[in-house]
């Protein structure tokens, strides 16, 4: 067999493998069931989804553990900071645009160049003031943050859920400051 035919056969096999992989990916992302266990990209629970229905309500203020008011009417209400058994702390909340123009979280991202999403909360940090340590948002094996991404086009009056995962501070640390660039810090209690 000539090199030309071998190359054509290899390309055909690669194209077939790609098509099969894509078909499996699409099938795996399909709905199914009653929709009660929906997940977002990457298999994260729907509560951690990177985008939300524009009508998503803001977090219940009576259950808030912290609040941050930023420029242009953008508020973040933090609803939980939970220490996971795996050595992580997951902070969840809701961002609400009370301003008059669309909000994009470009200023909330970290300065890393390998991040794919240009509008994320990858620049968030947890600060242990007593231990004088700063904890950055965790990254997955591809370098993407374990946090809300695709946070753009939040129109006035809209809210979206947000989350970020951090390495857990020592067990004795139960209070930390959650920080986002351009926002004042919020002191939150970590629960187990």
N, C-alpha and C. Protein backbone atom coordinates (compact mmCIF):
# COMPACT_ATOMS: atom_id res chain seq x y z
N UNK A 1 0.85 -1.16 0.00
CA UNK A 1 0.00 0.00 0.00
C UNK A 1 0.90 1.22 0.00
N UNK A 2 0.55 2.23 -0.78
CA UNK A 2 1.39 3.42 -0.85
C UNK A 2 1.17 4.30 0.37
N UNK A 3 2.10 5.21 0.57
CA UNK A 3 2.00 6.15 1.70
C UNK A 3 0.76 7.01 1.54
N UNK A 4 0.41 7.36 0.32
CA UNK A 4 -0.77 8.20 0.08
C UNK A 4 -2.03 7.48 0.55
N UNK A 5 -2.16 6.21 0.21
CA UNK A 5 -3.34 5.45 0.64
C UNK A 5 -3.34 5.26 2.15
N UNK A 6 -2.19 5.02 2.73
CA UNK A 6 -2.09 4.85 4.18
C UNK A 6 -2.50 6.13 4.90
N UNK A 7 -2.05 7.28 4.39
CA UNK A 7 -2.41 8.56 4.99
C UNK A 7 -3.91 8.80 4.88
N UNK A 8 -4.49 8.49 3.71
CA UNK A 8 -5.94 8.66 3.53
C UNK A 8 -6.70 7.75 4.50
N UNK A 9 -6.25 6.53 4.65
CA UNK A 9 -6.91 5.59 5.55
C UNK A 9 -6.80 6.08 7.00
N UNK A 10 -5.65 6.60 7.37
CA UNK A 10 -5.46 7.11 8.74
C UNK A 10 -6.37 8.30 8.99
N UNK A 11 -6.50 9.20 8.00
CA UNK A 11 -7.39 10.35 8.15
C UNK A 11 -8.83 9.90 8.30
N UNK A 12 -9.22 8.92 7.51
CA UNK A 12 -10.58 8.39 7.58
C UNK A 12 -10.86 7.77 8.94
N UNK A 13 -9.90 7.02 9.46
CA UNK A 13 -10.07 6.41 10.78
C UNK A 13 -10.16 7.48 11.86
N UNK A 14 -9.36 8.51 11.75
CA UNK A 14 -9.39 9.60 12.74
C UNK A 14 -10.73 10.33 12.67
N UNK A 15 -11.22 10.57 11.47
CA UNK A 15 -12.51 11.25 11.31
C UNK A 15 -13.64 10.40 11.89
N UNK A 16 -13.59 9.09 11.65
CA UNK A 16 -14.61 8.20 12.20
C UNK A 16 -14.56 8.19 13.72
N UNK A 17 -13.36 8.10 14.27
CA UNK A 17 -13.20 8.11 15.73
C UNK A 17 -13.71 9.42 16.32
N UNK A 18 -13.43 10.53 15.66
CA UNK A 18 -13.91 11.83 16.14
C UNK A 18 -15.43 11.90 16.11
N UNK A 19 -16.02 11.39 15.02
CA UNK A 19 -17.48 11.40 14.89
C UNK A 19 -18.13 10.54 15.98
N UNK A 20 -17.55 9.37 16.24
CA UNK A 20 -18.09 8.49 17.29
C UNK A 20 -17.96 9.17 18.66
N UNK A 21 -16.81 9.77 18.92
CA UNK A 21 -16.60 10.46 20.19
C UNK A 21 -17.58 11.61 20.37
N UNK A 22 -17.80 12.37 19.31
CA UNK A 22 -18.75 13.48 19.36
C UNK A 22 -20.16 12.98 19.60
N UNK A 23 -20.53 11.89 18.94
CA UNK A 23 -21.87 11.31 19.14
C UNK A 23 -22.04 10.85 20.59
N UNK A 24 -21.02 10.24 21.17
CA UNK A 24 -21.10 9.81 22.56
C UNK A 24 -21.19 11.01 23.50
N UNK A 25 -20.45 12.07 23.19
CA UNK A 25 -20.49 13.28 24.00
C UNK A 25 -21.88 13.90 23.98
N UNK A 26 -22.45 14.02 22.79
CA UNK A 26 -23.78 14.59 22.67
C UNK A 26 -24.81 13.72 23.38
N UNK A 27 -24.70 12.41 23.24
CA UNK A 27 -25.64 11.50 23.92
C UNK A 27 -25.50 11.62 25.43
N UNK A 28 -24.28 11.77 25.92
CA UNK A 28 -24.05 11.89 27.36
C UNK A 28 -24.58 13.20 27.91
N UNK A 29 -24.65 14.24 27.09
CA UNK A 29 -25.14 15.53 27.56
C UNK A 29 -26.64 15.66 27.41
N UNK A 30 -27.28 14.69 26.81
CA UNK A 30 -28.72 14.76 26.59
C UNK A 30 -29.49 14.75 27.88
N UNK A 31 -30.74 15.20 27.82
CA UNK A 31 -31.60 15.28 29.00
C UNK A 31 -31.93 13.91 29.53
N UNK A 32 -33.11 13.46 29.27
CA UNK A 32 -33.53 12.17 29.77
C UNK A 32 -34.09 12.27 31.16
N UNK A 33 -34.91 11.34 31.52
CA UNK A 33 -35.50 11.34 32.85
C UNK A 33 -36.47 12.48 33.01
N UNK A 34 -36.75 12.81 34.27
CA UNK A 34 -37.72 13.86 34.55
C UNK A 34 -37.08 15.22 34.71
N UNK A 35 -35.76 15.32 34.55
CA UNK A 35 -35.07 16.60 34.63
C UNK A 35 -34.74 16.99 36.06
N UNK A 36 -35.03 16.14 37.04
CA UNK A 36 -34.79 16.53 38.42
C UNK A 36 -33.32 16.48 38.80
N UNK A 37 -32.50 15.81 38.04
CA UNK A 37 -31.08 15.72 38.37
C UNK A 37 -30.26 16.31 37.23
N UNK A 38 -30.63 17.51 36.80
CA UNK A 38 -29.93 18.13 35.69
C UNK A 38 -28.52 18.50 36.11
N UNK A 39 -27.61 18.41 35.12
CA UNK A 39 -26.25 18.83 35.37
C UNK A 39 -25.85 19.79 34.28
N UNK A 40 -24.79 20.53 34.56
CA UNK A 40 -24.25 21.44 33.58
C UNK A 40 -23.07 20.77 32.91
N UNK A 41 -22.35 21.55 32.09
CA UNK A 41 -21.16 21.02 31.44
C UNK A 41 -20.19 20.54 32.50
N UNK A 42 -19.51 19.46 32.23
CA UNK A 42 -18.52 18.95 33.14
C UNK A 42 -19.13 18.14 34.27
N UNK A 43 -20.46 17.94 34.25
CA UNK A 43 -21.09 17.11 35.25
C UNK A 43 -21.31 17.80 36.58
N UNK A 44 -21.12 19.11 36.66
CA UNK A 44 -21.37 19.81 37.91
C UNK A 44 -22.86 19.84 38.19
N UNK A 45 -23.26 19.79 39.45
CA UNK A 45 -24.68 19.88 39.76
C UNK A 45 -25.25 21.19 39.23
N UNK A 46 -26.56 21.19 38.97
CA UNK A 46 -27.21 22.37 38.42
C UNK A 46 -27.00 23.59 39.30
N UNK A 47 -26.86 23.41 40.61
CA UNK A 47 -26.63 24.54 41.51
C UNK A 47 -25.30 25.22 41.19
N UNK A 48 -24.39 24.49 40.56
CA UNK A 48 -23.08 25.05 40.22
C UNK A 48 -23.01 25.39 38.74
N UNK A 49 -24.12 25.40 38.06
CA UNK A 49 -24.10 25.64 36.62
C UNK A 49 -23.47 26.99 36.33
N UNK A 50 -22.82 27.09 35.19
CA UNK A 50 -22.12 28.31 34.84
C UNK A 50 -23.07 29.38 34.33
N UNK A 51 -24.21 29.00 33.82
CA UNK A 51 -25.19 29.98 33.40
C UNK A 51 -26.53 29.60 33.99
N UNK A 52 -27.40 30.55 34.04
CA UNK A 52 -28.70 30.30 34.65
C UNK A 52 -29.79 30.96 33.87
N UNK A 53 -30.99 30.56 34.15
CA UNK A 53 -32.15 31.20 33.58
C UNK A 53 -32.13 32.66 34.01
N UNK A 54 -32.31 33.61 33.07
CA UNK A 54 -32.26 35.01 33.44
C UNK A 54 -33.23 35.37 34.56
N UNK A 55 -34.24 34.57 34.78
CA UNK A 55 -35.20 34.87 35.83
C UNK A 55 -34.84 34.26 37.17
N UNK A 56 -33.61 33.73 37.33
CA UNK A 56 -33.21 33.11 38.58
C UNK A 56 -33.33 34.13 39.71
N UNK A 57 -34.04 33.78 40.77
CA UNK A 57 -34.20 34.74 41.86
C UNK A 57 -32.91 34.90 42.65
N UNK A 58 -32.78 36.05 43.30
CA UNK A 58 -31.62 36.31 44.14
C UNK A 58 -31.70 35.42 45.37
N UNK A 59 -30.56 35.22 46.01
CA UNK A 59 -30.52 34.39 47.22
C UNK A 59 -31.40 35.03 48.30
N UNK A 60 -31.99 34.19 49.13
CA UNK A 60 -32.84 34.65 50.22
C UNK A 60 -31.97 35.44 51.20
N UNK A 61 -32.27 36.73 51.36
CA UNK A 61 -31.47 37.60 52.21
C UNK A 61 -31.44 37.12 53.66
N UNK A 62 -32.51 36.45 54.11
CA UNK A 62 -32.54 35.99 55.50
C UNK A 62 -31.58 34.82 55.72
N UNK A 63 -31.17 34.14 54.65
CA UNK A 63 -30.24 33.02 54.76
C UNK A 63 -28.83 33.41 54.32
N UNK A 64 -28.61 34.67 54.04
CA UNK A 64 -27.31 35.13 53.56
C UNK A 64 -26.28 35.08 54.68
N UNK A 65 -25.07 34.67 54.32
CA UNK A 65 -23.97 34.66 55.29
C UNK A 65 -23.01 35.82 55.03
N UNK A 66 -23.20 36.51 53.92
CA UNK A 66 -22.37 37.66 53.59
C UNK A 66 -22.92 38.38 52.37
N UNK A 67 -22.61 39.66 52.28
CA UNK A 67 -23.07 40.44 51.14
C UNK A 67 -21.99 41.43 50.73
N UNK A 68 -21.87 41.60 49.42
CA UNK A 68 -20.88 42.51 48.86
C UNK A 68 -21.59 43.42 47.87
N UNK A 69 -21.41 44.71 48.03
CA UNK A 69 -22.02 45.67 47.10
C UNK A 69 -20.90 46.32 46.31
N UNK A 70 -20.99 46.18 45.00
CA UNK A 70 -19.93 46.68 44.14
C UNK A 70 -20.36 47.86 43.30
N UNK A 71 -19.49 48.26 42.40
CA UNK A 71 -19.80 49.39 41.52
C UNK A 71 -20.92 49.05 40.53
N UNK A 72 -21.57 50.07 40.05
CA UNK A 72 -22.61 49.95 39.02
C UNK A 72 -23.80 49.11 39.45
N UNK A 73 -24.07 49.02 40.75
CA UNK A 73 -25.26 48.32 41.23
C UNK A 73 -25.17 46.81 41.22
N UNK A 74 -23.96 46.26 41.15
CA UNK A 74 -23.79 44.80 41.16
C UNK A 74 -23.58 44.34 42.60
N UNK A 75 -24.45 43.44 43.06
CA UNK A 75 -24.37 42.90 44.41
C UNK A 75 -24.13 41.40 44.37
N UNK A 76 -23.38 40.91 45.36
CA UNK A 76 -23.17 39.48 45.53
C UNK A 76 -23.67 39.11 46.92
N UNK A 77 -24.62 38.17 46.97
CA UNK A 77 -25.13 37.65 48.23
C UNK A 77 -24.59 36.24 48.39
N UNK A 78 -23.81 36.00 49.45
CA UNK A 78 -23.22 34.69 49.69
C UNK A 78 -24.17 33.87 50.56
N UNK A 79 -24.44 32.64 50.15
CA UNK A 79 -25.40 31.80 50.86
C UNK A 79 -24.75 30.67 51.64
N UNK A 80 -23.53 30.25 51.28
CA UNK A 80 -22.88 29.17 52.02
C UNK A 80 -21.38 29.15 51.74
N UNK A 81 -20.65 28.65 52.74
CA UNK A 81 -19.22 28.37 52.62
C UNK A 81 -19.03 27.05 53.36
N UNK A 82 -18.98 25.96 52.60
CA UNK A 82 -19.01 24.62 53.19
C UNK A 82 -17.67 23.92 53.00
N UNK A 83 -17.17 23.37 54.10
CA UNK A 83 -15.94 22.58 54.07
C UNK A 83 -16.32 21.16 53.65
N UNK A 84 -15.77 20.70 52.52
CA UNK A 84 -16.05 19.36 52.01
C UNK A 84 -15.07 18.36 52.61
N UNK A 85 -15.47 17.10 52.63
CA UNK A 85 -14.62 16.03 53.18
C UNK A 85 -13.31 15.90 52.40
N UNK A 86 -13.29 16.29 51.13
CA UNK A 86 -12.11 16.14 50.30
C UNK A 86 -11.04 17.21 50.51
N UNK A 87 -11.24 18.11 51.47
CA UNK A 87 -10.25 19.15 51.71
C UNK A 87 -10.48 20.42 50.93
N UNK A 88 -11.74 20.68 50.57
CA UNK A 88 -12.09 21.87 49.81
C UNK A 88 -13.09 22.71 50.60
N UNK A 89 -13.18 23.98 50.26
CA UNK A 89 -14.25 24.85 50.74
C UNK A 89 -14.96 25.36 49.49
N UNK A 90 -16.27 25.15 49.43
CA UNK A 90 -17.08 25.64 48.32
C UNK A 90 -17.92 26.81 48.80
N UNK A 91 -17.75 27.95 48.15
CA UNK A 91 -18.52 29.14 48.45
C UNK A 91 -19.56 29.30 47.36
N UNK A 92 -20.82 29.49 47.76
CA UNK A 92 -21.92 29.68 46.80
C UNK A 92 -22.67 30.95 47.12
N UNK A 93 -23.28 31.50 46.10
CA UNK A 93 -24.07 32.71 46.29
C UNK A 93 -24.79 33.08 45.01
N UNK A 94 -25.19 34.35 44.95
CA UNK A 94 -25.93 34.87 43.81
C UNK A 94 -25.40 36.26 43.49
N UNK A 95 -25.17 36.51 42.21
CA UNK A 95 -24.82 37.86 41.77
C UNK A 95 -26.08 38.47 41.16
N UNK A 96 -26.38 39.71 41.53
CA UNK A 96 -27.57 40.41 41.04
C UNK A 96 -27.16 41.75 40.48
N UNK A 97 -27.70 42.08 39.32
CA UNK A 97 -27.42 43.35 38.68
C UNK A 97 -28.57 44.31 38.98
N UNK A 98 -28.32 45.26 39.89
CA UNK A 98 -29.30 46.30 40.21
C UNK A 98 -29.01 47.58 39.43
N UNK A 99 -28.03 47.52 38.54
CA UNK A 99 -27.61 48.69 37.78
C UNK A 99 -28.49 48.95 36.57
N UNK A 100 -27.98 49.79 35.68
CA UNK A 100 -28.74 50.20 34.50
C UNK A 100 -28.16 49.66 33.20
N UNK A 101 -27.03 48.94 33.27
CA UNK A 101 -26.45 48.36 32.05
C UNK A 101 -26.01 46.93 32.33
N UNK A 102 -25.79 46.18 31.25
CA UNK A 102 -25.40 44.77 31.38
C UNK A 102 -24.07 44.65 32.11
N UNK A 103 -23.93 43.57 32.88
CA UNK A 103 -22.71 43.32 33.64
C UNK A 103 -21.97 42.13 33.07
N UNK A 104 -20.66 42.26 32.93
CA UNK A 104 -19.77 41.19 32.52
C UNK A 104 -18.68 41.07 33.58
N UNK A 105 -18.38 39.85 34.01
CA UNK A 105 -17.44 39.62 35.11
C UNK A 105 -15.99 39.60 34.67
N UNK A 106 -15.64 40.35 33.65
CA UNK A 106 -14.26 40.34 33.15
C UNK A 106 -13.28 40.79 34.23
N UNK A 107 -13.67 41.75 35.06
CA UNK A 107 -12.77 42.23 36.12
C UNK A 107 -12.65 41.25 37.27
N UNK A 108 -13.50 40.22 37.32
CA UNK A 108 -13.47 39.24 38.41
C UNK A 108 -12.58 38.05 38.09
N UNK A 109 -12.01 37.99 36.91
CA UNK A 109 -11.18 36.85 36.55
C UNK A 109 -9.76 37.08 37.01
N UNK A 110 -9.00 35.99 37.10
CA UNK A 110 -7.59 36.10 37.46
C UNK A 110 -6.80 36.52 36.23
N UNK A 111 -5.55 36.81 36.43
CA UNK A 111 -4.70 37.27 35.33
C UNK A 111 -4.04 36.15 34.56
N UNK A 112 -4.42 34.91 34.83
CA UNK A 112 -3.81 33.78 34.15
C UNK A 112 -4.18 33.77 32.67
N UNK A 113 -3.23 33.44 31.84
CA UNK A 113 -3.47 33.47 30.40
C UNK A 113 -4.08 32.18 29.87
N UNK A 114 -3.95 31.06 30.61
CA UNK A 114 -4.45 29.79 30.09
C UNK A 114 -5.94 29.57 30.34
N UNK A 115 -6.61 30.45 31.09
CA UNK A 115 -8.05 30.28 31.33
C UNK A 115 -8.82 30.50 30.04
N UNK A 116 -9.80 29.66 29.81
CA UNK A 116 -10.59 29.76 28.59
C UNK A 116 -11.67 30.82 28.69
N UNK A 117 -12.30 30.92 29.86
CA UNK A 117 -13.40 31.87 30.03
C UNK A 117 -12.86 33.24 30.40
N UNK A 118 -13.27 34.24 29.65
CA UNK A 118 -12.83 35.60 29.93
C UNK A 118 -13.75 36.28 30.94
N UNK A 119 -14.86 35.65 31.29
CA UNK A 119 -15.79 36.24 32.27
C UNK A 119 -16.13 35.18 33.31
N UNK A 120 -15.31 35.14 34.35
CA UNK A 120 -15.49 34.15 35.41
C UNK A 120 -15.19 34.82 36.75
N UNK A 121 -15.32 34.04 37.82
CA UNK A 121 -14.93 34.57 39.12
C UNK A 121 -13.62 33.90 39.58
N UNK A 122 -12.76 33.61 38.62
CA UNK A 122 -11.49 32.94 38.92
C UNK A 122 -10.54 33.79 39.74
N UNK A 123 -10.80 35.08 39.86
CA UNK A 123 -9.96 35.96 40.67
C UNK A 123 -10.38 36.01 42.12
N UNK A 124 -11.40 35.23 42.50
CA UNK A 124 -11.86 35.21 43.89
C UNK A 124 -10.79 34.61 44.79
N UNK A 125 -10.77 35.05 46.05
CA UNK A 125 -9.83 34.51 47.02
C UNK A 125 -10.52 34.37 48.38
N UNK A 126 -9.99 33.45 49.17
CA UNK A 126 -10.37 33.34 50.59
C UNK A 126 -9.16 33.79 51.38
N UNK A 127 -9.38 34.63 52.37
CA UNK A 127 -8.29 35.14 53.19
C UNK A 127 -8.47 34.66 54.62
N UNK A 128 -7.45 33.97 55.13
CA UNK A 128 -7.38 33.59 56.53
C UNK A 128 -6.54 34.67 57.20
N UNK A 129 -7.21 35.65 57.82
CA UNK A 129 -6.49 36.78 58.41
C UNK A 129 -5.61 36.36 59.57
N UNK A 130 -6.12 35.46 60.42
CA UNK A 130 -5.34 35.01 61.59
C UNK A 130 -4.08 34.26 61.15
N UNK A 131 -4.22 33.38 60.16
CA UNK A 131 -3.08 32.60 59.67
C UNK A 131 -2.27 33.32 58.62
N UNK A 132 -2.74 34.50 58.18
CA UNK A 132 -2.07 35.31 57.17
C UNK A 132 -1.82 34.52 55.89
N UNK A 133 -2.90 33.84 55.41
CA UNK A 133 -2.79 33.06 54.18
C UNK A 133 -3.92 33.43 53.23
N UNK A 134 -3.60 33.35 51.95
CA UNK A 134 -4.58 33.61 50.90
C UNK A 134 -4.76 32.32 50.11
N UNK A 135 -6.02 31.93 49.88
CA UNK A 135 -6.34 30.72 49.13
C UNK A 135 -6.97 31.12 47.80
N UNK A 136 -6.41 30.62 46.70
CA UNK A 136 -6.90 30.92 45.36
C UNK A 136 -7.87 29.85 44.90
N UNK A 137 -8.70 30.19 43.93
CA UNK A 137 -9.66 29.25 43.36
C UNK A 137 -8.90 28.07 42.75
N UNK A 138 -9.40 26.87 43.00
CA UNK A 138 -8.78 25.66 42.46
C UNK A 138 -8.93 25.58 40.95
N UNK A 139 -8.07 24.81 40.30
CA UNK A 139 -8.10 24.60 38.85
C UNK A 139 -8.26 23.11 38.57
N UNK A 140 -8.89 22.80 37.43
CA UNK A 140 -8.99 21.40 37.03
C UNK A 140 -7.74 21.03 36.23
N UNK A 141 -7.70 19.81 35.71
CA UNK A 141 -6.50 19.34 35.02
C UNK A 141 -6.23 20.06 33.70
N UNK A 142 -7.23 20.79 33.19
CA UNK A 142 -7.02 21.55 31.96
C UNK A 142 -6.66 23.00 32.26
N UNK A 143 -6.60 23.36 33.54
CA UNK A 143 -6.26 24.73 33.91
C UNK A 143 -7.47 25.64 34.10
N UNK A 144 -8.66 25.12 33.87
CA UNK A 144 -9.88 25.92 34.04
C UNK A 144 -10.23 26.00 35.51
N UNK A 145 -10.76 27.13 35.93
CA UNK A 145 -11.09 27.31 37.35
C UNK A 145 -12.28 26.44 37.75
N UNK A 146 -12.30 26.04 39.02
CA UNK A 146 -13.46 25.35 39.59
C UNK A 146 -14.34 26.43 40.18
N UNK A 147 -14.97 27.17 39.28
CA UNK A 147 -15.79 28.31 39.66
C UNK A 147 -16.76 28.63 38.53
N UNK A 148 -17.62 29.58 38.79
CA UNK A 148 -18.57 30.01 37.77
C UNK A 148 -17.82 30.66 36.62
N UNK A 149 -18.14 30.22 35.40
CA UNK A 149 -17.56 30.81 34.19
C UNK A 149 -18.70 31.26 33.29
N UNK A 150 -18.37 31.97 32.24
CA UNK A 150 -19.39 32.43 31.30
C UNK A 150 -20.34 33.44 31.93
N UNK A 151 -19.84 34.20 32.87
CA UNK A 151 -20.67 35.17 33.58
C UNK A 151 -20.64 36.50 32.84
N UNK A 152 -21.41 36.56 31.76
CA UNK A 152 -21.46 37.78 30.96
C UNK A 152 -22.90 38.03 30.52
N UNK A 153 -23.16 39.27 30.19
CA UNK A 153 -24.49 39.63 29.70
C UNK A 153 -25.57 39.58 30.76
N UNK A 154 -25.21 39.84 32.03
CA UNK A 154 -26.20 39.87 33.10
C UNK A 154 -26.92 41.21 33.03
N UNK A 155 -28.16 41.17 32.53
CA UNK A 155 -28.92 42.39 32.29
C UNK A 155 -29.46 42.98 33.60
N UNK A 156 -29.79 44.26 33.60
CA UNK A 156 -30.35 44.88 34.80
C UNK A 156 -31.57 44.10 35.31
N UNK A 157 -31.59 43.85 36.61
CA UNK A 157 -32.68 43.11 37.23
C UNK A 157 -32.49 41.62 37.25
N UNK A 158 -31.47 41.10 36.58
CA UNK A 158 -31.24 39.66 36.53
C UNK A 158 -30.28 39.22 37.63
N UNK A 159 -30.39 37.92 38.00
CA UNK A 159 -29.52 37.29 38.98
C UNK A 159 -29.02 35.97 38.41
N UNK A 160 -27.84 35.55 38.86
CA UNK A 160 -27.30 34.24 38.50
C UNK A 160 -26.59 33.65 39.70
N UNK A 161 -26.68 32.32 39.84
CA UNK A 161 -25.94 31.67 40.93
C UNK A 161 -24.45 31.65 40.59
N UNK A 162 -23.63 31.72 41.63
CA UNK A 162 -22.18 31.62 41.46
C UNK A 162 -21.62 30.64 42.48
N UNK A 163 -20.44 30.11 42.18
CA UNK A 163 -19.73 29.24 43.12
C UNK A 163 -18.24 29.31 42.83
N UNK A 164 -17.45 28.98 43.84
CA UNK A 164 -16.00 28.86 43.69
C UNK A 164 -15.51 27.86 44.72
N UNK A 165 -14.55 27.02 44.32
CA UNK A 165 -13.95 26.04 45.23
C UNK A 165 -12.52 26.43 45.52
N UNK A 166 -12.15 26.30 46.80
CA UNK A 166 -10.83 26.67 47.28
C UNK A 166 -10.23 25.52 48.07
N UNK A 167 -8.89 25.48 48.23
CA UNK A 167 -8.32 24.53 49.18
C UNK A 167 -8.83 24.92 50.57
N UNK A 168 -9.10 23.95 51.41
CA UNK A 168 -9.63 24.25 52.75
C UNK A 168 -8.50 24.72 53.67
N UNK A 169 -8.77 25.80 54.41
CA UNK A 169 -7.82 26.19 55.45
C UNK A 169 -7.80 25.13 56.55
N UNK A 170 -6.88 25.21 57.49
CA UNK A 170 -6.87 24.24 58.60
C UNK A 170 -8.23 24.19 59.30
N UNK A 171 -8.55 23.04 59.89
CA UNK A 171 -9.86 22.82 60.51
C UNK A 171 -10.19 23.84 61.59
N UNK A 172 -9.19 24.37 62.27
CA UNK A 172 -9.45 25.35 63.34
C UNK A 172 -9.92 26.70 62.78
N UNK A 173 -9.69 26.94 61.47
CA UNK A 173 -10.11 28.20 60.85
C UNK A 173 -11.58 28.08 60.46
N UNK A 174 -12.41 28.88 61.08
CA UNK A 174 -13.85 28.82 60.80
C UNK A 174 -14.37 30.12 60.21
N UNK A 175 -13.53 31.14 60.12
CA UNK A 175 -13.97 32.43 59.58
C UNK A 175 -12.91 32.94 58.61
N UNK A 176 -13.35 33.32 57.41
CA UNK A 176 -12.46 33.83 56.36
C UNK A 176 -13.11 35.01 55.67
N UNK A 177 -12.32 35.77 54.95
CA UNK A 177 -12.86 36.83 54.10
C UNK A 177 -12.93 36.30 52.68
N UNK A 178 -14.09 36.46 52.04
CA UNK A 178 -14.25 36.13 50.62
C UNK A 178 -14.06 37.42 49.86
N UNK A 179 -13.18 37.41 48.85
CA UNK A 179 -12.90 38.61 48.07
C UNK A 179 -13.07 38.36 46.58
N UNK A 180 -13.62 39.36 45.91
CA UNK A 180 -13.68 39.41 44.45
C UNK A 180 -13.07 40.73 44.03
N UNK A 181 -12.30 40.76 42.95
CA UNK A 181 -11.75 42.03 42.49
C UNK A 181 -12.88 43.05 42.27
N UNK A 182 -12.63 44.28 42.57
CA UNK A 182 -13.55 45.43 42.47
C UNK A 182 -14.63 45.46 43.54
N UNK A 183 -14.65 44.46 44.45
CA UNK A 183 -15.68 44.39 45.48
C UNK A 183 -15.03 44.45 46.86
N UNK A 184 -15.73 45.00 47.85
CA UNK A 184 -15.21 44.93 49.22
C UNK A 184 -15.33 43.49 49.72
N UNK A 185 -14.45 43.06 50.64
CA UNK A 185 -14.51 41.69 51.14
C UNK A 185 -15.73 41.46 52.02
N UNK A 186 -16.12 40.19 52.14
CA UNK A 186 -17.21 39.79 53.03
C UNK A 186 -16.66 38.70 53.95
N UNK A 187 -16.83 38.89 55.24
CA UNK A 187 -16.40 37.87 56.21
C UNK A 187 -17.48 36.80 56.31
N UNK A 188 -17.10 35.54 56.13
CA UNK A 188 -18.05 34.43 56.16
C UNK A 188 -17.56 33.34 57.10
N UNK A 189 -18.51 32.60 57.66
CA UNK A 189 -18.19 31.46 58.51
C UNK A 189 -18.22 30.19 57.67
N UNK A 190 -17.23 29.34 57.84
CA UNK A 190 -17.16 28.06 57.13
C UNK A 190 -17.92 27.03 57.97
N UNK A 191 -18.82 26.30 57.34
CA UNK A 191 -19.53 25.23 58.01
C UNK A 191 -19.05 23.89 57.49
N UNK A 192 -19.25 22.85 58.29
CA UNK A 192 -18.83 21.49 57.89
C UNK A 192 -19.99 20.72 57.34
